[in-house]
C-alpha atoms as a PDB file:
ATOM      1  CA  UNK A   1      12.191  17.295  22.827  1.00  0.00           C
ATOM      2  CA  UNK A   2      15.332  16.456  20.915  1.00  0.00           C
ATOM      3  CA  UNK A   3      16.431  12.866  20.719  1.00  0.00           C
ATOM      4  CA  UNK A   4      19.652  12.185  22.575  1.00  0.00           C
ATOM      5  CA  UNK A   5      21.900   9.157  22.559  1.00  0.00           C
ATOM      6  CA  UNK A   6      20.326   8.073  25.831  1.00  0.00           C
ATOM      7  CA  UNK A   7      16.814   8.355  24.417  1.00  0.00           C
ATOM      8  CA  UNK A   8      17.844   6.335  21.388  1.00  0.00           C
ATOM      9  CA  UNK A   9      19.367   3.693  23.612  1.00  0.00           C
ATOM     10  CA  UNK A  10      16.099   3.347  25.499  1.00  0.00           C
ATOM     11  CA  UNK A  11      14.015   3.452  22.302  1.00  0.00           C
ATOM     12  CA  UNK A  12      11.916   0.334  21.821  1.00  0.00           C
ATOM     13  CA  UNK A  13      12.241   0.220  18.029  1.00  0.00           C
ATOM     14  CA  UNK A  14      14.607  -2.703  18.190  1.00  0.00           C
ATOM     15  CA  UNK A  15      12.041  -4.692  20.181  1.00  0.00           C
ATOM     16  CA  UNK A  16       9.212  -4.400  17.646  1.00  0.00           C
ATOM     17  CA  UNK A  17      10.556  -6.437  14.782  1.00  0.00           C
ATOM     18  CA  UNK A  18      11.255  -3.462  12.522  1.00  0.00           C
ATOM     19  CA  UNK A  19      12.378  -4.973   9.232  1.00  0.00           C
ATOM     20  CA  UNK A  20      15.189  -3.726   7.059  1.00  0.00           C
ATOM     21  CA  UNK A  21      13.902  -1.045   4.711  1.00  0.00           C
ATOM     22  CA  UNK A  22      11.304   0.242   7.210  1.00  0.00           C
ATOM     23  CA  UNK A  23      11.275   3.680   8.777  1.00  0.00           C
ATOM     24  CA  UNK A  24       9.870   4.179  12.248  1.00  0.00           C
ATOM     25  CA  UNK A  25       9.072   6.750  14.908  1.00  0.00           C
ATOM     26  CA  UNK A  26       8.669   6.217  18.619  1.00  0.00           C
ATOM     27  CA  UNK A  27       6.402   8.340  20.774  1.00  0.00           C
ATOM     28  CA  UNK A  28       6.253   9.476  24.377  1.00  0.00           C
ATOM     29  CA  UNK A  29       2.932  10.455  25.862  1.00  0.00           C
ATOM     30  CA  UNK A  30       3.366  13.906  24.277  1.00  0.00           C
ATOM     31  CA  UNK A  31       5.306  13.738  21.009  1.00  0.00           C
ATOM     32  CA  UNK A  32       7.640  11.840  18.752  1.00  0.00           C
ATOM     33  CA  UNK A  33      11.118  11.923  20.196  1.00  0.00           C
ATOM     34  CA  UNK A  34      13.208   9.898  17.807  1.00  0.00           C
ATOM     35  CA  UNK A  35      13.118   8.373  14.394  1.00  0.00           C
ATOM     36  CA  UNK A  36      15.100   5.589  12.885  1.00  0.00           C
ATOM     37  CA  UNK A  37      15.420   4.435   9.295  1.00  0.00           C
ATOM     38  CA  UNK A  38      17.025   1.102   8.631  1.00  0.00           C
ATOM     39  CA  UNK A  39      19.028   0.218   5.541  1.00  0.00           C
ATOM     40  CA  UNK A  40      17.165  -1.494   2.727  1.00  0.00           C
ATOM     41  CA  UNK A  41      17.551  -5.212   2.330  1.00  0.00           C
ATOM     42  CA  UNK A  42      18.091  -6.732  -1.100  1.00  0.00           C
ATOM     43  CA  UNK A  43      15.626  -9.529  -0.387  1.00  0.00           C
ATOM     44  CA  UNK A  44      12.024  -9.427  -1.477  1.00  0.00           C
ATOM     45  CA  UNK A  45       9.657  -8.807   1.407  1.00  0.00           C
ATOM     46  CA  UNK A  46       6.306 -10.568   1.270  1.00  0.00           C
ATOM     47  CA  UNK A  47       4.266  -8.144   3.372  1.00  0.00           C
ATOM     48  CA  UNK A  48       3.256  -4.668   2.217  1.00  0.00           C
ATOM     49  CA  UNK A  49       1.218  -3.221   5.100  1.00  0.00           C
ATOM     50  CA  UNK A  50       1.010   0.553   4.734  1.00  0.00           C
ATOM     51  CA  UNK A  51       1.780   1.290   8.374  1.00  0.00           C
ATOM     52  CA  UNK A  52       1.764  -0.309  11.775  1.00  0.00           C
ATOM     53  CA  UNK A  53       1.341   1.157  15.265  1.00  0.00           C
ATOM     54  CA  UNK A  54       2.514  -0.873  18.248  1.00  0.00           C
ATOM     55  CA  UNK A  55       1.959   0.273  21.822  1.00  0.00           C
ATOM     56  CA  UNK A  56       3.888  -0.697  24.905  1.00  0.00           C
ATOM     57  CA  UNK A  57       3.215  -0.537  28.603  1.00  0.00           C
ATOM     58  CA  UNK A  58       6.881  -0.109  29.500  1.00  0.00           C
ATOM     59  CA  UNK A  59       7.384   2.503  32.192  1.00  0.00           C
ATOM     60  CA  UNK A  60      10.445   4.647  32.365  1.00  0.00           C
ATOM     61  CA  UNK A  61      11.905   8.120  31.830  1.00  0.00           C
ATOM     62  CA  UNK A  62       9.963  10.775  29.936  1.00  0.00           C
ATOM     63  CA  UNK A  63      11.970  10.139  26.812  1.00  0.00           C
ATOM     64  CA  UNK A  64      11.170   6.423  26.795  1.00  0.00           C
ATOM     65  CA  UNK A  65       8.818   5.214  24.043  1.00  0.00           C
ATOM     66  CA  UNK A  66       5.172   4.525  24.755  1.00  0.00           C
ATOM     67  CA  UNK A  67       4.335   3.662  21.147  1.00  0.00           C
ATOM     68  CA  UNK A  68       6.106   2.800  17.941  1.00  0.00           C
ATOM     69  CA  UNK A  69       4.802   3.785  14.506  1.00  0.00           C
ATOM     70  CA  UNK A  70       6.305   1.896  11.598  1.00  0.00           C
ATOM     71  CA  UNK A  71       6.002   2.877   7.963  1.00  0.00           C
ATOM     72  CA  UNK A  72       7.005  -0.021   5.753  1.00  0.00           C
ATOM     73  CA  UNK A  73       8.930   0.733   2.591  1.00  0.00           C
ATOM     74  CA  UNK A  74       8.032  -2.114   0.204  1.00  0.00           C
ATOM     75  CA  UNK A  75      10.866  -3.733  -1.664  1.00  0.00           C
ATOM     76  CA  UNK A  76       8.430  -5.088  -4.214  1.00  0.00           C
ATOM     77  CA  UNK A  77       6.791  -2.265  -6.163  1.00  0.00           C
ATOM     78  CA  UNK A  78       5.516  -3.032  -9.628  1.00  0.00           C
ATOM     79  CA  UNK A  79       5.032   0.642 -10.394  1.00  0.00           C
ATOM     80  CA  UNK A  80       8.776   1.239 -10.324  1.00  0.00           C
ATOM     81  CA  UNK A  81       9.298  -1.383 -13.030  1.00  0.00           C
ATOM     82  CA  UNK A  82       6.366  -0.948 -15.392  1.00  0.00           C
ATOM     83  CA  UNK A  83       2.880   0.461 -15.443  1.00  0.00           C
ATOM     84  CA  UNK A  84      -0.157  -1.015 -17.189  1.00  0.00           C
ATOM     85  CA  UNK A  85      -3.678   0.349 -16.888  1.00  0.00           C
ATOM     86  CA  UNK A  86      -5.208  -2.665 -18.639  1.00  0.00           C
ATOM     87  CA  UNK A  87      -4.036  -5.824 -20.391  1.00  0.00           C
ATOM     88  CA  UNK A  88      -5.982  -6.023 -23.652  1.00  0.00           C
ATOM     89  CA  UNK A  89      -3.742  -7.257 -26.459  1.00  0.00           C
ATOM     90  CA  UNK A  90      -0.182  -8.354 -27.135  1.00  0.00           C
ATOM     91  CA  UNK A  91       0.572  -5.307 -29.293  1.00  0.00           C
ATOM     92  CA  UNK A  92       0.551  -3.040 -26.244  1.00  0.00           C
ATOM     93  CA  UNK A  93       3.793  -4.518 -24.880  1.00  0.00           C
ATOM     94  CA  UNK A  94       7.241  -3.319 -25.872  1.00  0.00           C
ATOM     95  CA  UNK A  95      10.451  -5.189 -25.243  1.00  0.00           C
ATOM     96  CA  UNK A  96      11.403  -3.162 -22.161  1.00  0.00           C
ATOM     97  CA  UNK A  97       8.040  -3.913 -20.567  1.00  0.00           C
ATOM     98  CA  UNK A  98       8.383  -7.602 -21.381  1.00  0.00           C
ATOM     99  CA  UNK A  99      11.812  -7.695 -19.740  1.00  0.00           C
ATOM    100  CA  UNK A 100      10.377  -5.972 -16.655  1.00  0.00           C
ATOM    101  CA  UNK A 101       7.552  -8.520 -16.496  1.00  0.00           C
ATOM    102  CA  UNK A 102      10.093 -11.341 -16.737  1.00  0.00           C
ATOM    103  CA  UNK A 103      12.006  -9.818 -13.823  1.00  0.00           C
ATOM    104  CA  UNK A 104       8.869  -9.671 -11.691  1.00  0.00           C
ATOM    105  CA  UNK A 105       7.971 -13.240 -12.692  1.00  0.00           C
ATOM    106  CA  UNK A 106      11.345 -14.431 -11.431  1.00  0.00           C
ATOM    107  CA  UNK A 107      10.736 -12.648  -8.127  1.00  0.00           C
ATOM    108  CA  UNK A 108       7.310 -14.257  -7.919  1.00  0.00           C
ATOM    109  CA  UNK A 109       8.934 -17.677  -8.053  1.00  0.00           C
ATOM    110  CA  UNK A 110      10.463 -16.967  -4.648  1.00  0.00           C
ATOM    111  CA  UNK A 111       7.026 -16.106  -3.302  1.00  0.00           C
ATOM    112  CA  UNK A 112       5.547 -19.266  -4.807  1.00  0.00           C
ATOM    113  CA  UNK A 113       8.153 -21.361  -3.011  1.00  0.00           C
ATOM    114  CA  UNK A 114       7.473 -19.560   0.288  1.00  0.00           C
ATOM    115  CA  UNK A 115       3.801 -18.572   0.053  1.00  0.00           C
ATOM    116  CA  UNK A 116       3.064 -18.287   3.762  1.00  0.00           C
ATOM    117  CA  UNK A 117       3.083 -14.677   4.867  1.00  0.00           C
ATOM    118  CA  UNK A 118       2.825 -13.270   1.338  1.00  0.00           C
ATOM    119  CA  UNK A 119       0.508 -10.273   1.614  1.00  0.00           C
ATOM    120  CA  UNK A 120       1.412  -8.137  -1.407  1.00  0.00           C
ATOM    121  CA  UNK A 121      -2.240  -7.870  -2.482  1.00  0.00           C
ATOM    122  CA  UNK A 122      -3.847  -7.880   0.955  1.00  0.00           C
ATOM    123  CA  UNK A 123      -6.951  -5.711   0.932  1.00  0.00           C
ATOM    124  CA  UNK A 124      -7.522  -6.016  -2.826  1.00  0.00           C
ATOM    125  CA  UNK A 125     -10.379  -7.893  -4.502  1.00  0.00           C
ATOM    126  CA  UNK A 126     -10.211  -9.441  -7.965  1.00  0.00           C
ATOM    127  CA  UNK A 127     -13.364 -10.326  -9.905  1.00  0.00           C
ATOM    128  CA  UNK A 128     -13.028 -13.147 -12.437  1.00  0.00           C
ATOM    129  CA  UNK A 129     -15.861 -12.691 -14.921  1.00  0.00           C
ATOM    130  CA  UNK A 130     -15.899 -15.634 -17.323  1.00  0.00           C
ATOM    131  CA  UNK A 131     -18.500 -15.898 -20.093  1.00  0.00           C
ATOM    132  CA  UNK A 132     -16.831 -19.038 -21.452  1.00  0.00           C
ATOM    133  CA  UNK A 133     -15.678 -22.225 -19.703  1.00  0.00           C
ATOM    134  CA  UNK A 134     -12.181 -22.185 -18.261  1.00  0.00           C
ATOM    135  CA  UNK A 135     -10.156 -24.300 -15.899  1.00  0.00           C
ATOM    136  CA  UNK A 136      -6.479 -23.374 -16.125  1.00  0.00           C
ATOM    137  CA  UNK A 137      -6.833 -19.658 -16.852  1.00  0.00           C
ATOM    138  CA  UNK A 138      -9.462 -18.914 -14.222  1.00  0.00           C
ATOM    139  CA  UNK A 139      -7.886 -21.041 -11.508  1.00  0.00           C
ATOM    140  CA  UNK A 140      -4.382 -19.709 -12.174  1.00  0.00           C
ATOM    141  CA  UNK A 141      -5.580 -16.118 -11.734  1.00  0.00           C
ATOM    142  CA  UNK A 142      -7.509 -16.992  -8.590  1.00  0.00           C
ATOM    143  CA  UNK A 143      -4.673 -19.046  -7.125  1.00  0.00           C
ATOM    144  CA  UNK A 144      -2.174 -16.229  -7.723  1.00  0.00           C
ATOM    145  CA  UNK A 145      -4.465 -13.651  -6.134  1.00  0.00           C
ATOM    146  CA  UNK A 146      -5.005 -15.764  -3.023  1.00  0.00           C
ATOM    147  CA  UNK A 147      -1.319 -16.639  -2.662  1.00  0.00           C
ATOM    148  CA  UNK A 148      -0.553 -12.919  -2.661  1.00  0.00           C
ATOM    149  CA  UNK A 149      -3.068 -12.211   0.091  1.00  0.00           C
ATOM    150  CA  UNK A 150      -5.954 -10.917  -2.028  1.00  0.00           C
ATOM    151  CA  UNK A 151      -9.592 -11.975  -2.255  1.00  0.00           C
ATOM    152  CA  UNK A 152     -11.556 -13.307  -5.234  1.00  0.00           C
ATOM    153  CA  UNK A 153     -15.111 -12.892  -6.497  1.00  0.00           C
ATOM    154  CA  UNK A 154     -15.816 -15.355  -9.286  1.00  0.00           C
ATOM    155  CA  UNK A 155     -18.437 -16.212 -11.889  1.00  0.00           C
ATOM    156  CA  UNK A 156     -17.675 -19.407 -13.775  1.00  0.00           C
ATOM    157  CA  UNK A 157     -20.333 -19.107 -16.484  1.00  0.00           C
ATOM    158  CA  UNK A 158     -21.443 -15.497 -16.610  1.00  0.00           C
ATOM    159  CA  UNK A 159     -23.153 -16.008 -19.958  1.00  0.00           C
ATOM    160  CA  UNK A 160     -25.710 -18.305 -18.317  1.00  0.00           C
ATOM    161  CA  UNK A 161     -25.692 -17.489 -14.623  1.00  0.00           C
ATOM    162  CA  UNK A 162     -25.305 -13.694 -14.536  1.00  0.00           C
ATOM    163  CA  UNK A 163     -27.688 -10.911 -15.507  1.00  0.00           C
ATOM    164  CA  UNK A 164     -26.390 -11.331 -19.054  1.00  0.00           C
ATOM    165  CA  UNK A 165     -28.913 -14.169 -19.303  1.00  0.00           C
ATOM    166  CA  UNK A 166     -31.620 -11.535 -18.757  1.00  0.00           C
ATOM    167  CA  UNK A 167     -30.268  -9.266 -21.461  1.00  0.00           C
ATOM    168  CA  UNK A 168     -27.875  -7.077 -19.474  1.00  0.00           C
ATOM    169  CA  UNK A 169     -25.153  -5.561 -21.648  1.00  0.00           C
ATOM    170  CA  UNK A 170     -21.469  -6.174 -21.010  1.00  0.00           C
ATOM    171  CA  UNK A 171     -21.018  -2.494 -20.211  1.00  0.00           C
ATOM    172  CA  UNK A 172     -23.716  -2.554 -17.520  1.00  0.00           C
ATOM    173  CA  UNK A 173     -22.264  -5.724 -16.019  1.00  0.00           C
ATOM    174  CA  UNK A 174     -18.814  -4.120 -15.848  1.00  0.00           C
ATOM    175  CA  UNK A 175     -20.225  -1.011 -14.144  1.00  0.00           C
ATOM    176  CA  UNK A 176     -21.770  -3.243 -11.496  1.00  0.00           C
ATOM    177  CA  UNK A 177     -18.800  -5.565 -10.951  1.00  0.00           C
ATOM    178  CA  UNK A 178     -16.288  -2.718 -10.652  1.00  0.00           C
ATOM    179  CA  UNK A 179     -18.204  -1.523  -7.613  1.00  0.00           C
ATOM    180  CA  UNK A 180     -17.305  -4.761  -5.844  1.00  0.00           C
ATOM    181  CA  UNK A 181     -13.696  -5.186  -6.911  1.00  0.00           C
ATOM    182  CA  UNK A 182     -10.336  -3.554  -7.604  1.00  0.00           C
ATOM    183  CA  UNK A 183      -9.531  -5.404 -10.831  1.00  0.00           C
ATOM    184  CA  UNK A 184     -11.527  -7.465 -13.343  1.00  0.00           C
ATOM    185  CA  UNK A 185     -10.280 -10.525 -15.226  1.00  0.00           C
ATOM    186  CA  UNK A 186     -12.583 -11.045 -18.200  1.00  0.00           C
ATOM    187  CA  UNK A 187     -13.086 -13.945 -20.589  1.00  0.00           C
ATOM    188  CA  UNK A 188     -15.693 -13.352 -23.274  1.00  0.00           C
ATOM    189  CA  UNK A 189     -16.967 -15.069 -26.397  1.00  0.00           C
ATOM    190  CA  UNK A 190     -16.728 -11.904 -28.534  1.00  0.00           C
ATOM    191  CA  UNK A 191     -13.506 -10.547 -30.007  1.00  0.00           C
ATOM    192  CA  UNK A 192     -12.901  -7.028 -28.703  1.00  0.00           C
ATOM    193  CA  UNK A 193     -15.018  -7.474 -25.578  1.00  0.00           C
ATOM    194  CA  UNK A 194     -12.130  -6.658 -23.240  1.00  0.00           C
ATOM    195  CA  UNK A 195     -11.511  -3.369 -25.034  1.00  0.00           C
ATOM    196  CA  UNK A 196     -15.162  -2.456 -24.528  1.00  0.00           C
ATOM    197  CA  UNK A 197     -14.938  -3.427 -20.862  1.00  0.00           C
ATOM    198  CA  UNK A 198     -11.766  -1.394 -20.328  1.00  0.00           C
ATOM    199  CA  UNK A 199     -13.372   1.647 -21.960  1.00  0.00           C
ATOM    200  CA  UNK A 200     -16.244   1.350 -19.486  1.00  0.00           C
ATOM    201  CA  UNK A 201     -14.433   0.471 -16.267  1.00  0.00           C
ATOM    202  CA  UNK A 202     -12.573   2.847 -13.974  1.00  0.00           C
ATOM    203  CA  UNK A 203     -10.496  -0.060 -12.617  1.00  0.00           C
ATOM    204  CA  UNK A 204      -7.977  -2.259 -14.494  1.00  0.00           C
ATOM    205  CA  UNK A 205      -9.290  -4.974 -16.808  1.00  0.00           C
ATOM    206  CA  UNK A 206      -7.277  -8.022 -17.909  1.00  0.00           C
ATOM    207  CA  UNK A 207      -8.099  -9.972 -21.059  1.00  0.00           C
ATOM    208  CA  UNK A 208      -8.275 -13.687 -20.235  1.00  0.00           C
ATOM    209  CA  UNK A 209      -9.350 -14.523 -23.788  1.00  0.00           C
ATOM    210  CA  UNK A 210     -11.891 -12.772 -26.030  1.00  0.00           C
ATOM    211  CA  UNK A 211     -13.414 -15.084 -28.609  1.00  0.00           C
ATOM    212  CA  UNK A 212     -11.033 -15.656 -31.530  1.00  0.00           C
ATOM    213  CA  UNK A 213      -9.297 -12.358 -30.729  1.00  0.00           C
ATOM    214  CA  UNK A 214      -6.391 -12.600 -28.293  1.00  0.00           C
ATOM    215  CA  UNK A 215      -5.185 -14.214 -25.089  1.00  0.00           C
ATOM    216  CA  UNK A 216      -2.262 -11.975 -24.034  1.00  0.00           C
ATOM    217  CA  UNK A 217      -1.633 -13.417 -20.572  1.00  0.00           C
ATOM    218  CA  UNK A 218      -1.238 -16.933 -21.973  1.00  0.00           C
ATOM    219  CA  UNK A 219       1.182 -15.567 -24.570  1.00  0.00           C
ATOM    220  CA  UNK A 220       3.175 -13.808 -21.844  1.00  0.00           C
ATOM    221  CA  UNK A 221       3.501 -17.126 -20.042  1.00  0.00           C
ATOM    222  CA  UNK A 222       4.542 -18.811 -23.296  1.00  0.00           C
ATOM    223  CA  UNK A 223       7.386 -16.434 -24.111  1.00  0.00           C
ATOM    224  CA  UNK A 224       8.553 -16.401 -20.486  1.00  0.00           C
ATOM    225  CA  UNK A 225       8.710 -20.196 -20.598  1.00  0.00           C
ATOM    226  CA  UNK A 226      10.546 -20.166 -23.939  1.00  0.00           C
ATOM    227  CA  UNK A 227      13.093 -17.689 -22.587  1.00  0.00           C
ATOM    228  CA  UNK A 228      13.551 -19.703 -19.401  1.00  0.00           C
ATOM    229  CA  UNK A 229      13.910 -23.061 -21.157  1.00  0.00           C
ATOM    230  CA  UNK A 230      15.918 -22.029 -24.231  1.00  0.00           C
ATOM    231  CA  UNK A 231      17.713 -19.060 -22.728  1.00  0.00           C
ATOM    232  CA  UNK A 232      16.886 -16.572 -25.482  1.00  0.00           C
ATOM    233  CA  UNK A 233      14.109 -15.153 -27.637  1.00  0.00           C
ATOM    234  CA  UNK A 234      16.167 -13.543 -30.405  1.00  0.00           C
ATOM    235  CA  UNK A 235      16.858 -15.726 -33.422  1.00  0.00           C
ATOM    236  CA  UNK A 236      14.505 -18.570 -32.541  1.00  0.00           C
ATOM    237  CA  UNK A 237      12.264 -20.636 -34.823  1.00  0.00           C
ATOM    238  CA  UNK A 238       8.716 -21.378 -33.683  1.00  0.00           C
ATOM    239  CA  UNK A 239       6.076 -23.605 -35.289  1.00  0.00           C
ATOM    240  CA  UNK A 240       2.438 -22.813 -34.513  1.00  0.00           C
ATOM    241  CA  UNK A 241       0.253 -25.777 -35.403  1.00  0.00           C
ATOM    242  CA  UNK A 242      -3.498 -26.376 -35.467  1.00  0.00           C
ATOM    243  CA  UNK A 243      -6.606 -24.223 -35.742  1.00  0.00           C
ATOM    244  CA  UNK A 244      -4.883 -20.900 -36.360  1.00  0.00           C
ATOM    245  CA  UNK A 245      -8.017 -19.118 -37.596  1.00  0.00           C
ATOM    246  CA  UNK A 246      -9.651 -19.340 -34.172  1.00  0.00           C
ATOM    247  CA  UNK A 247      -6.541 -19.683 -32.024  1.00  0.00           C
ATOM    248  CA  UNK A 248      -6.395 -16.522 -29.941  1.00  0.00           C
ATOM    249  CA  UNK A 249      -3.306 -17.702 -28.080  1.00  0.00           C
ATOM    250  CA  UNK A 250      -1.174 -18.189 -31.192  1.00  0.00           C
ATOM    251  CA  UNK A 251      -2.140 -14.752 -32.488  1.00  0.00           C
ATOM    252  CA  UNK A 252      -1.031 -13.100 -29.251  1.00  0.00           C
ATOM    253  CA  UNK A 253       2.152 -15.169 -29.166  1.00  0.00           C
ATOM    254  CA  UNK A 254       3.065 -14.169 -32.724  1.00  0.00           C
ATOM    255  CA  UNK A 255       2.717 -10.480 -31.864  1.00  0.00           C
ATOM    256  CA  UNK A 256       4.928 -10.879 -28.793  1.00  0.00           C
ATOM    257  CA  UNK A 257       7.580 -12.820 -30.711  1.00  0.00           C
ATOM    258  CA  UNK A 258       7.702  -9.919 -33.164  1.00  0.00           C
ATOM    259  CA  UNK A 259       9.283  -7.809 -30.402  1.00  0.00           C
ATOM    260  CA  UNK A 260      12.468  -9.857 -30.716  1.00  0.00           C
ATOM    261  CA  UNK A 261      15.111 -10.049 -33.438  1.00  0.00           C
ATOM    262  CA  UNK A 262      15.363 -12.546 -36.303  1.00  0.00           C
ATOM    263  CA  UNK A 263      12.420 -14.683 -35.220  1.00  0.00           C
ATOM    264  CA  UNK A 264      11.008 -17.133 -37.764  1.00  0.00           C
ATOM    265  CA  UNK A 265       7.451 -18.442 -37.362  1.00  0.00           C
ATOM    266  CA  UNK A 266       6.029 -21.447 -39.194  1.00  0.00           C
ATOM    267  CA  UNK A 267       2.208 -21.415 -39.371  1.00  0.00           C
ATOM    268  CA  UNK A 268       1.055 -24.989 -39.931  1.00  0.00           C
ATOM    269  CA  UNK A 269      -2.654 -25.627 -40.489  1.00  0.00           C
ATOM    270  CA  UNK A 270      -5.238 -26.892 -42.974  1.00  0.00           C
ATOM    271  CA  UNK A 271      -6.433 -24.258 -45.449  1.00  0.00           C
ATOM    272  CA  UNK A 272      -9.854 -24.051 -43.810  1.00  0.00           C
ATOM    273  CA  UNK A 273      -8.391 -22.901 -40.477  1.00  0.00           C
ATOM    274  CA  UNK A 274      -5.496 -20.829 -41.794  1.00  0.00           C
ATOM    275  CA  UNK A 275      -4.794 -17.668 -39.809  1.00  0.00           C
ATOM    276  CA  UNK A 276      -6.634 -14.860 -41.568  1.00  0.00           C
ATOM    277  CA  UNK A 277      -5.147 -11.849 -39.796  1.00  0.00           C
ATOM    278  CA  UNK A 278      -1.680 -11.938 -41.344  1.00  0.00           C
ATOM    279  CA  UNK A 279      -1.065  -8.460 -42.771  1.00  0.00           C
ATOM    280  CA  UNK A 280      -0.030  -6.816 -39.465  1.00  0.00           C
ATOM    281  CA  UNK A 281       2.265  -9.732 -38.696  1.00  0.00           C
ATOM    282  CA  UNK A 282       3.875  -9.584 -42.135  1.00  0.00           C
ATOM    283  CA  UNK A 283       4.859  -5.953 -41.520  1.00  0.00           C
ATOM    284  CA  UNK A 284       6.566  -6.722 -38.216  1.00  0.00           C
ATOM    285  CA  UNK A 285      10.023  -7.998 -37.356  1.00  0.00           C
ATOM    286  CA  UNK A 286       9.160 -11.567 -38.359  1.00  0.00           C
ATOM    287  CA  UNK A 287       9.817 -14.051 -41.085  1.00  0.00           C
ATOM    288  CA  UNK A 288       6.481 -15.784 -41.631  1.00  0.00           C
ATOM    289  CA  UNK A 289       6.203 -19.130 -43.427  1.00  0.00           C
ATOM    290  CA  UNK A 290       2.927 -20.959 -44.111  1.00  0.00           C
ATOM    291  CA  UNK A 291       2.567 -24.724 -44.379  1.00  0.00           C
ATOM    292  CA  UNK A 292      -0.814 -26.125 -45.395  1.00  0.00           C
END
C-alpha cells in the first residue's frame, strides 16, 4: 500500500523520539507503509544502538502504524576518520592519522563532560592484561571503556596471578583471552610482546607499554596535550630528561614528534642511561641534541 499524505499524518514516527540522523519505517499489521529519514544533526550523539523496534497499541485506520522500526545512523564513526587494526608502536602513525585522532579526542571531551547516556561501546568487552604494575594506564583505559558503555575484564598482575605463573606462553594466553573479549590492552615486561600478541590475536591489541620498548598511547596523550596547551607541534623544542635508556614513553614521543616540521629534541641524561636506539631517530625529521 502506497503511503499517502494522510497516512504520513497519522504515522507515529514523531511520537517515538526519532532523533535527527535516524531513518525509520512504520508498519501496519501487514506491511511497511511509510518511511521517513530525518536530516542529520551536527551534534555528536552518544548512543549507537544498531536498531530499535517500538510497538504501539493505537487503534485506527488500516494505514495507521502498529509498530515503528528505527535504524540509527551514528554521527560518531571512527572508521570514517581513521582505521587501526592494532596499536603497537609510534612509527605506525602518520600525520593525517594523528590529526584524525586529535579530532576524535576533542569530540570525546564533550562525552566526558556529559557521560550519562554515552553508549558508543555498548556490547563490547575490553580485556586489560597487565603483566606489570600500573595505576594510571590501566585505570584510564578501564574508565574510558566504562564511560562509553562497554564492559571490562581485568588482570592486574598477570605475571603472577594468571596461567603465565604456570608456564603458559603469551601466545596461548592471548588465544584464550580473545575468546572472552573484543579488544585486548596489553602491558608486558618484554619489548616486542605486543607485536607477538597482535600476530596471534584475531581481535585488536593495544600496547600499554612493553618493557623498555614503547608506550604509544601515552605518547599520543603527550602530543595531544602539547598541541592543546601550546597550540602547535611544528617548530617546537622539547627536552626529554631522565632514564632515557629504559624510558619507553620518551622513545614513542620522539617518534611521534618526528612527524612534525622543524622539531628540536634535547635528550638529557647521565651516560649510563643514555638512549641507545638513536639511529632511526637521527634519520627522521628531527634535530637531536644530547646533553650528558
